[in-house]
Amino acid sequence: MDPAERAALQGKKRMIKNRESAARSRERKQAYTAELESLVTQLEEENARLLRHQEERKRKRLKQLSESLIPITEHRKPLRPLRRTHSMQW
């Protein structure tokens, strides 16, 4: 086998190995992306659950506070009738 044939054969082997390596890399990337998507879904569900829980606690606390407050009645001053002022002559 002459050097040119040997170089061509090594080039083909290198190309095949490179394609295989690229395919493995794509598979790893796809698996990593799927794992991240799964994690995002899980975290979104947990976030929604925590937000519902927070809202429920907030409502309970507000109800508890409103029940414990002493009712305050507002006493307004009686309205006085409008009077004409002496700033203008008629």
Protein backbone atom coordinates (compact mmCIF):
# COMPACT_ATOMS: atom_id res chain seq x y z
CA MET A 1 0.00 0.00 0.00
CA ASP A 2 1.52 3.27 -1.06
CA PRO A 3 1.51 6.38 1.14
CA ALA A 4 -1.31 8.07 -0.81
CA GLU A 5 -3.64 5.10 -0.30
CA ARG A 6 -2.64 4.90 3.34
CA ALA A 7 -3.40 8.63 3.84
CA ALA A 8 -6.77 8.25 2.09
CA LEU A 9 -7.64 5.27 4.31
CA GLN A 10 -6.65 7.16 7.47
CA GLY A 11 -8.73 10.15 6.29
CA LYS A 12 -11.78 7.91 5.84
CA LYS A 13 -11.27 6.32 9.27
CA ARG A 14 -10.94 9.78 10.84
CA MET A 15 -14.12 10.95 9.08
CA ILE A 16 -16.05 7.89 10.32
CA LYS A 17 -14.80 8.39 13.89
CA ASN A 18 -15.68 12.08 13.71
CA ARG A 19 -19.25 11.29 12.54
CA GLU A 20 -19.66 8.74 15.34
CA SER A 21 -18.36 11.23 17.88
CA ALA A 22 -20.73 13.91 16.57
CA ALA A 23 -23.66 11.47 16.80
CA ARG A 24 -22.77 10.63 20.43
CA SER A 25 -22.48 14.34 21.19
CA ARG A 26 -25.95 14.99 19.71
CA GLU A 27 -27.41 12.14 21.77
CA ARG A 28 -25.86 13.51 24.96
CA LYS A 29 -27.17 16.98 24.16
CA GLN A 30 -30.66 15.61 23.47
CA ALA A 31 -30.67 13.66 26.75
CA TYR A 32 -29.48 16.75 28.65
CA THR A 33 -32.18 18.90 27.02
CA ALA A 34 -34.86 16.34 27.91
CA GLU A 35 -33.60 16.27 31.51
CA LEU A 36 -33.74 20.07 31.72
CA GLU A 37 -37.26 20.16 30.24
CA SER A 38 -38.37 17.62 32.83
CA LEU A 39 -36.83 19.71 35.60
CA VAL A 40 -38.55 22.87 34.29
CA THR A 41 -41.92 21.10 34.32
CA GLN A 42 -41.33 19.83 37.84
CA LEU A 43 -40.29 23.27 39.10
CA GLU A 44 -43.26 24.98 37.42
CA GLU A 45 -45.64 22.55 39.14
CA GLU A 46 -43.94 23.11 42.50
CA ASN A 47 -44.07 26.87 42.00
CA ALA A 48 -47.81 26.75 41.22
CA ARG A 49 -48.41 24.61 44.30
CA LEU A 50 -46.45 27.01 46.51
CA LEU A 51 -48.28 30.03 45.10
CA ARG A 52 -51.65 28.38 45.84
CA HIS A 53 -50.48 27.55 49.36
CA GLN A 54 -49.25 31.12 49.90
CA GLU A 55 -52.57 32.56 48.67
CA GLU A 56 -54.53 30.22 50.93
CA ARG A 57 -52.45 31.21 53.98
CA LYS A 58 -52.85 34.87 53.07
CA ARG A 59 -56.66 34.50 52.91
CA LYS A 60 -56.73 32.65 56.25
CA ARG A 61 -54.56 35.30 57.89
CA LEU A 62 -56.72 38.12 56.53
CA LYS A 63 -59.87 36.38 57.78
CA GLN A 64 -58.26 35.83 61.17
CA LEU A 65 -57.26 39.49 61.41
CA SER A 66 -60.69 40.73 60.35
CA GLU A 67 -62.36 38.54 62.98
CA SER A 68 -60.06 39.75 65.73
CA LEU A 69 -60.50 43.46 65.02
CA ILE A 70 -62.73 45.60 67.16
CA PRO A 71 -65.33 47.27 64.97
CA ILE A 72 -64.82 51.00 64.74
CA THR A 73 -67.79 53.26 64.12
CA GLU A 74 -67.06 56.57 62.56
CA HIS A 75 -68.75 59.58 64.10
CA ARG A 76 -69.08 62.39 61.62
CA LYS A 77 -69.74 65.93 62.54
CA PRO A 78 -73.20 67.07 61.51
CA LEU A 79 -73.17 68.95 58.25
CA ARG A 80 -73.52 72.69 58.65
CA PRO A 81 -75.59 74.57 56.13
CA LEU A 82 -73.70 76.73 53.68
CA ARG A 83 -73.65 80.40 54.58
CA ARG A 84 -73.14 83.38 52.42
CA THR A 85 -69.91 85.18 53.11
CA HIS A 86 -69.42 88.91 53.11
CA SER A 87 -66.75 88.84 50.46
CA MET A 88 -69.08 90.01 47.75
CA GLN A 89 -71.85 92.60 47.69
CA TRP A 90 -75.24 91.89 46.25
